[in-house]
């Protein structure tokens, strides 16, 4: 028996056991109420975790955009003083800053849109 077959057999056995337990629990009124409460709690926690994920990623993107803005200011100073070979690094820093600021802001907009609905 290969490892893949063993994993499949374990998964099938686990699924059958869970289905049997759920069937027994759902057979009475209290069991159905407990399962409904657990499902709603899990759904609520999932929503909160998704909102937290969007906020954290939005903050990270905005922090990276701030770092890109600082690099853009530094490259602009080099470009103005004539120490840069060309405007390529300045343009790259500007594009980086704009795109990461967009990603960060859109992440916070998604949070607000999901909170309203």
N, C-alpha and C. Protein backbone atom coordinates (compact mmCIF):
# COMPACT_ATOMS: atom_id res chain seq x y z
N UNK A 1 0.85 -1.17 0.00
CA UNK A 1 0.00 0.00 0.00
C UNK A 1 0.90 1.24 0.00
N UNK A 2 0.63 2.17 -0.90
CA UNK A 2 1.47 3.36 -0.99
C UNK A 2 1.01 4.40 0.03
N UNK A 3 1.82 5.43 0.19
CA UNK A 3 1.51 6.48 1.14
C UNK A 3 0.25 7.24 0.73
N UNK A 4 0.06 7.42 -0.57
CA UNK A 4 -1.12 8.14 -1.07
C UNK A 4 -2.39 7.37 -0.73
N UNK A 5 -2.34 6.05 -0.91
CA UNK A 5 -3.51 5.23 -0.59
C UNK A 5 -3.79 5.26 0.91
N UNK A 6 -2.75 5.26 1.71
CA UNK A 6 -2.93 5.33 3.16
C UNK A 6 -3.58 6.64 3.57
N UNK A 7 -3.13 7.72 2.98
CA UNK A 7 -3.72 9.03 3.29
C UNK A 7 -5.17 9.07 2.85
N UNK A 8 -5.48 8.53 1.69
CA UNK A 8 -6.87 8.51 1.21
C UNK A 8 -7.74 7.67 2.14
N UNK A 9 -7.23 6.52 2.59
CA UNK A 9 -8.00 5.67 3.50
C UNK A 9 -8.24 6.35 4.83
N UNK A 10 -7.23 7.05 5.34
CA UNK A 10 -7.39 7.77 6.60
C UNK A 10 -8.42 8.89 6.44
N UNK A 11 -8.35 9.60 5.32
CA UNK A 11 -9.31 10.68 5.08
C UNK A 11 -10.73 10.13 4.97
N UNK A 12 -10.90 9.04 4.26
CA UNK A 12 -12.24 8.45 4.14
C UNK A 12 -12.77 7.98 5.49
N UNK A 13 -11.92 7.37 6.29
CA UNK A 13 -12.32 6.91 7.62
C UNK A 13 -12.71 8.09 8.50
N UNK A 14 -11.92 9.16 8.44
CA UNK A 14 -12.22 10.36 9.23
C UNK A 14 -13.54 10.96 8.81
N UNK A 15 -13.78 11.07 7.49
CA UNK A 15 -15.04 11.62 6.99
C UNK A 15 -16.23 10.78 7.46
N UNK A 16 -16.10 9.47 7.39
CA UNK A 16 -17.19 8.59 7.81
C UNK A 16 -17.47 8.75 9.30
N UNK A 17 -16.40 8.88 10.10
CA UNK A 17 -16.58 9.05 11.54
C UNK A 17 -17.27 10.38 11.85
N UNK A 18 -16.85 11.44 11.18
CA UNK A 18 -17.47 12.75 11.40
C UNK A 18 -18.93 12.71 10.99
N UNK A 19 -19.23 12.08 9.86
CA UNK A 19 -20.61 11.99 9.40
C UNK A 19 -21.47 11.20 10.38
N UNK A 20 -20.92 10.14 10.95
CA UNK A 20 -21.66 9.35 11.93
C UNK A 20 -21.93 10.15 13.19
N UNK A 21 -20.94 10.90 13.66
CA UNK A 21 -21.13 11.71 14.86
C UNK A 21 -22.16 12.80 14.61
N UNK A 22 -22.08 13.46 13.46
CA UNK A 22 -23.04 14.52 13.13
C UNK A 22 -24.45 13.96 13.03
N UNK A 23 -24.59 12.78 12.45
CA UNK A 23 -25.91 12.15 12.33
C UNK A 23 -26.48 11.86 13.71
N UNK A 24 -25.67 11.37 14.62
CA UNK A 24 -26.14 11.08 15.97
C UNK A 24 -26.51 12.36 16.70
N UNK A 25 -25.67 13.39 16.56
CA UNK A 25 -25.92 14.64 17.27
C UNK A 25 -27.16 15.34 16.71
N UNK A 26 -27.34 15.29 15.40
CA UNK A 26 -28.50 15.95 14.79
C UNK A 26 -29.80 15.20 15.02
N UNK A 27 -29.74 14.04 15.62
CA UNK A 27 -30.96 13.27 15.82
C UNK A 27 -31.83 13.82 16.95
N UNK A 28 -31.30 14.70 17.79
CA UNK A 28 -32.15 15.30 18.81
C UNK A 28 -32.09 16.82 18.72
N UNK A 29 -33.01 17.45 19.38
CA UNK A 29 -33.20 18.90 19.28
C UNK A 29 -32.01 19.67 19.86
N UNK A 30 -31.50 19.23 20.97
CA UNK A 30 -30.37 19.91 21.60
C UNK A 30 -29.12 19.83 20.72
N UNK A 31 -28.90 18.68 20.14
CA UNK A 31 -27.75 18.51 19.25
C UNK A 31 -27.81 19.44 18.05
N UNK A 32 -29.03 19.55 17.46
CA UNK A 32 -29.18 20.47 16.32
C UNK A 32 -28.92 21.91 16.74
N UNK A 33 -29.39 22.29 17.92
CA UNK A 33 -29.18 23.66 18.41
C UNK A 33 -27.69 23.93 18.65
N UNK A 34 -27.01 22.95 19.24
CA UNK A 34 -25.57 23.12 19.49
C UNK A 34 -24.81 23.24 18.17
N UNK A 35 -25.14 22.39 17.20
CA UNK A 35 -24.47 22.47 15.90
C UNK A 35 -24.75 23.79 15.20
N UNK A 36 -25.99 24.25 15.26
CA UNK A 36 -26.33 25.53 14.64
C UNK A 36 -25.55 26.67 15.30
N UNK A 37 -25.44 26.62 16.63
CA UNK A 37 -24.66 27.64 17.34
C UNK A 37 -23.20 27.60 16.97
N UNK A 38 -22.64 26.39 16.86
CA UNK A 38 -21.23 26.26 16.48
C UNK A 38 -20.99 26.77 15.06
N UNK A 39 -21.91 26.45 14.15
CA UNK A 39 -21.75 26.92 12.76
C UNK A 39 -21.81 28.44 12.68
N UNK A 40 -22.76 29.04 13.41
CA UNK A 40 -22.87 30.50 13.36
C UNK A 40 -21.68 31.17 14.03
N UNK A 41 -21.18 30.58 15.10
CA UNK A 41 -19.98 31.13 15.75
C UNK A 41 -18.79 31.05 14.82
N UNK A 42 -18.63 29.91 14.15
CA UNK A 42 -17.52 29.75 13.20
C UNK A 42 -17.65 30.74 12.05
N UNK A 43 -18.86 30.96 11.56
CA UNK A 43 -19.07 31.91 10.47
C UNK A 43 -18.72 33.33 10.91
N UNK A 44 -19.12 33.69 12.14
CA UNK A 44 -18.82 35.02 12.65
C UNK A 44 -17.32 35.21 12.85
N UNK A 45 -16.67 34.21 13.43
CA UNK A 45 -15.22 34.29 13.62
C UNK A 45 -14.51 34.36 12.28
N UNK A 46 -15.00 33.62 11.30
CA UNK A 46 -14.41 33.67 9.96
C UNK A 46 -14.51 35.05 9.34
N UNK A 47 -15.67 35.70 9.51
CA UNK A 47 -15.83 37.06 8.98
C UNK A 47 -14.87 38.03 9.65
N UNK A 48 -14.74 37.93 10.96
CA UNK A 48 -13.84 38.82 11.70
C UNK A 48 -12.39 38.58 11.27
N UNK A 49 -12.01 37.32 11.13
CA UNK A 49 -10.63 37.02 10.71
C UNK A 49 -10.37 37.52 9.29
N UNK A 50 -11.38 37.44 8.41
CA UNK A 50 -11.20 37.95 7.05
C UNK A 50 -11.03 39.47 7.08
N UNK A 51 -11.83 40.14 7.90
CA UNK A 51 -11.70 41.59 8.02
C UNK A 51 -10.33 41.96 8.57
N UNK A 52 -9.86 41.23 9.58
CA UNK A 52 -8.54 41.49 10.13
C UNK A 52 -7.46 41.26 9.09
N UNK A 53 -7.61 40.21 8.28
CA UNK A 53 -6.64 39.93 7.22
C UNK A 53 -6.57 41.09 6.24
N UNK A 54 -7.73 41.60 5.83
CA UNK A 54 -7.76 42.73 4.89
C UNK A 54 -7.11 43.97 5.50
N UNK A 55 -7.37 44.22 6.77
CA UNK A 55 -6.78 45.39 7.41
C UNK A 55 -5.27 45.26 7.56
N UNK A 56 -4.81 44.09 7.93
CA UNK A 56 -3.36 43.89 8.10
C UNK A 56 -2.64 44.01 6.76
N UNK A 57 -3.19 43.37 5.73
CA UNK A 57 -2.54 43.48 4.42
C UNK A 57 -2.61 44.91 3.90
N UNK A 58 -3.70 45.61 4.16
CA UNK A 58 -3.78 47.01 3.75
C UNK A 58 -2.72 47.86 4.44
N UNK A 59 -2.52 47.62 5.74
CA UNK A 59 -1.49 48.36 6.46
C UNK A 59 -0.10 48.05 5.92
N UNK A 60 0.16 46.77 5.63
CA UNK A 60 1.47 46.39 5.12
C UNK A 60 1.72 47.06 3.76
N UNK A 61 0.72 47.06 2.89
CA UNK A 61 0.88 47.70 1.59
C UNK A 61 1.09 49.21 1.73
N UNK A 62 0.36 49.84 2.64
CA UNK A 62 0.56 51.28 2.84
C UNK A 62 1.94 51.58 3.43
N UNK A 63 2.43 50.71 4.32
CA UNK A 63 3.77 50.91 4.88
C UNK A 63 4.82 50.76 3.77
N UNK A 64 4.62 49.78 2.89
CA UNK A 64 5.57 49.62 1.78
C UNK A 64 5.48 50.80 0.82
N UNK A 65 4.29 51.36 0.63
CA UNK A 65 4.16 52.55 -0.21
C UNK A 65 4.89 53.73 0.42
N UNK A 66 4.85 53.84 1.74
CA UNK A 66 5.58 54.92 2.42
C UNK A 66 7.09 54.76 2.23
N UNK A 67 7.56 53.52 2.30
CA UNK A 67 8.98 53.27 2.05
C UNK A 67 9.34 53.63 0.61
N UNK A 68 8.46 53.28 -0.33
CA UNK A 68 8.67 53.65 -1.73
C UNK A 68 8.67 55.15 -1.93
N UNK A 69 7.81 55.86 -1.18
CA UNK A 69 7.78 57.32 -1.29
C UNK A 69 9.08 57.94 -0.78
N UNK A 70 9.59 57.37 0.31
CA UNK A 70 10.87 57.88 0.81
C UNK A 70 11.99 57.63 -0.20
N UNK A 71 11.97 56.46 -0.83
CA UNK A 71 12.98 56.17 -1.86
C UNK A 71 12.80 57.11 -3.05
N UNK A 72 11.55 57.42 -3.39
CA UNK A 72 11.29 58.35 -4.48
C UNK A 72 11.83 59.74 -4.19
N UNK A 73 11.67 60.19 -2.95
CA UNK A 73 12.21 61.51 -2.56
C UNK A 73 13.73 61.49 -2.67
N UNK A 74 14.35 60.41 -2.20
CA UNK A 74 15.81 60.30 -2.26
C UNK A 74 16.29 60.28 -3.73
N UNK A 75 15.58 59.53 -4.59
CA UNK A 75 15.96 59.47 -6.00
C UNK A 75 15.72 60.80 -6.70
N UNK A 76 14.68 61.53 -6.29
CA UNK A 76 14.42 62.84 -6.89
C UNK A 76 15.55 63.81 -6.54
N UNK A 77 16.02 63.74 -5.28
CA UNK A 77 17.13 64.61 -4.87
C UNK A 77 18.39 64.28 -5.67
N UNK A 78 18.64 62.97 -5.89
CA UNK A 78 19.80 62.58 -6.69
C UNK A 78 19.65 63.05 -8.13
N UNK A 79 18.43 62.93 -8.67
CA UNK A 79 18.17 63.32 -10.06
C UNK A 79 18.35 64.84 -10.23
N UNK A 80 17.86 65.61 -9.28
CA UNK A 80 17.97 67.06 -9.37
C UNK A 80 19.41 67.54 -9.22
N UNK A 81 20.19 66.83 -8.41
CA UNK A 81 21.57 67.26 -8.21
C UNK A 81 22.49 66.79 -9.34
N UNK A 82 21.99 65.92 -10.21
CA UNK A 82 22.77 65.45 -11.34
C UNK A 82 23.60 64.22 -11.05
N UNK A 83 23.41 63.58 -9.90
CA UNK A 83 24.18 62.39 -9.55
C UNK A 83 23.53 61.10 -10.06
N UNK A 84 22.36 61.18 -10.64
CA UNK A 84 21.68 59.98 -11.16
C UNK A 84 21.97 59.86 -12.66
N UNK A 85 22.00 58.62 -13.14
CA UNK A 85 22.26 58.39 -14.56
C UNK A 85 21.07 58.76 -15.42
N UNK A 86 19.88 58.65 -14.88
CA UNK A 86 18.68 58.97 -15.62
C UNK A 86 17.47 58.91 -14.69
N UNK A 87 16.30 59.16 -15.24
CA UNK A 87 15.10 59.19 -14.39
C UNK A 87 14.49 57.81 -14.13
N UNK A 88 15.15 56.74 -14.55
CA UNK A 88 14.56 55.40 -14.45
C UNK A 88 14.22 54.98 -13.03
N UNK A 89 15.14 55.16 -12.11
CA UNK A 89 14.89 54.76 -10.73
C UNK A 89 13.83 55.62 -10.08
N UNK A 90 13.78 56.89 -10.45
CA UNK A 90 12.74 57.78 -9.93
C UNK A 90 11.37 57.33 -10.43
N UNK A 91 11.26 57.02 -11.70
CA UNK A 91 9.99 56.56 -12.27
C UNK A 91 9.58 55.25 -11.63
N UNK A 92 10.54 54.36 -11.41
CA UNK A 92 10.24 53.08 -10.77
C UNK A 92 9.72 53.28 -9.35
N UNK A 93 10.34 54.18 -8.60
CA UNK A 93 9.89 54.46 -7.24
C UNK A 93 8.50 55.05 -7.23
N UNK A 94 8.19 55.92 -8.19
CA UNK A 94 6.85 56.52 -8.27
C UNK A 94 5.81 55.46 -8.59
N UNK A 95 6.11 54.60 -9.57
CA UNK A 95 5.16 53.54 -9.94
C UNK A 95 4.95 52.56 -8.78
N UNK A 96 6.03 52.21 -8.09
CA UNK A 96 5.94 51.33 -6.93
C UNK A 96 5.05 51.94 -5.86
N UNK A 97 5.29 53.22 -5.56
CA UNK A 97 4.51 53.90 -4.52
C UNK A 97 3.04 53.98 -4.88
N UNK A 98 2.75 54.33 -6.11
CA UNK A 98 1.34 54.45 -6.52
C UNK A 98 0.64 53.10 -6.47
N UNK A 99 1.29 52.06 -6.99
CA UNK A 99 0.62 50.75 -7.02
C UNK A 99 0.41 50.19 -5.62
N UNK A 100 1.40 50.32 -4.74
CA UNK A 100 1.23 49.78 -3.39
C UNK A 100 0.25 50.62 -2.58
N UNK A 101 0.21 51.92 -2.79
CA UNK A 101 -0.80 52.74 -2.13
C UNK A 101 -2.19 52.35 -2.60
N UNK A 102 -2.34 52.05 -3.88
CA UNK A 102 -3.63 51.61 -4.41
C UNK A 102 -4.05 50.28 -3.77
N UNK A 103 -3.13 49.33 -3.69
CA UNK A 103 -3.45 48.04 -3.08
C UNK A 103 -3.85 48.22 -1.61
N UNK A 104 -3.14 49.06 -0.89
CA UNK A 104 -3.46 49.28 0.52
C UNK A 104 -4.81 49.95 0.71
N UNK A 105 -5.06 50.98 -0.06
CA UNK A 105 -6.35 51.67 0.06
C UNK A 105 -7.51 50.79 -0.36
N UNK A 106 -7.32 50.02 -1.44
CA UNK A 106 -8.42 49.16 -1.89
C UNK A 106 -8.71 48.07 -0.87
N UNK A 107 -7.70 47.64 -0.12
CA UNK A 107 -7.94 46.65 0.93
C UNK A 107 -8.81 47.25 2.03
N UNK A 108 -8.54 48.48 2.43
CA UNK A 108 -9.37 49.13 3.44
C UNK A 108 -10.77 49.43 2.89
N UNK A 109 -10.88 49.75 1.61
CA UNK A 109 -12.20 49.97 1.01
C UNK A 109 -13.03 48.69 1.03
N UNK A 110 -12.37 47.55 0.80
CA UNK A 110 -13.08 46.27 0.86
C UNK A 110 -13.62 46.01 2.26
N UNK A 111 -12.82 46.34 3.28
CA UNK A 111 -13.27 46.16 4.66
C UNK A 111 -14.51 46.99 4.91
N UNK A 112 -14.47 48.24 4.49
CA UNK A 112 -15.62 49.12 4.70
C UNK A 112 -16.85 48.64 3.94
N UNK A 113 -16.66 48.16 2.70
CA UNK A 113 -17.77 47.66 1.91
C UNK A 113 -18.38 46.41 2.54
N UNK A 114 -17.55 45.51 3.06
CA UNK A 114 -18.05 44.29 3.71
C UNK A 114 -18.74 44.62 5.02
N UNK A 115 -18.28 45.65 5.72
CA UNK A 115 -18.91 46.01 7.00
C UNK A 115 -20.30 46.59 6.78
N UNK A 116 -20.51 47.29 5.66
CA UNK A 116 -21.82 47.87 5.37
C UNK A 116 -22.84 46.80 5.00
N UNK A 117 -22.39 45.74 4.32
CA UNK A 117 -23.34 44.72 3.87
C UNK A 117 -23.62 43.66 4.91
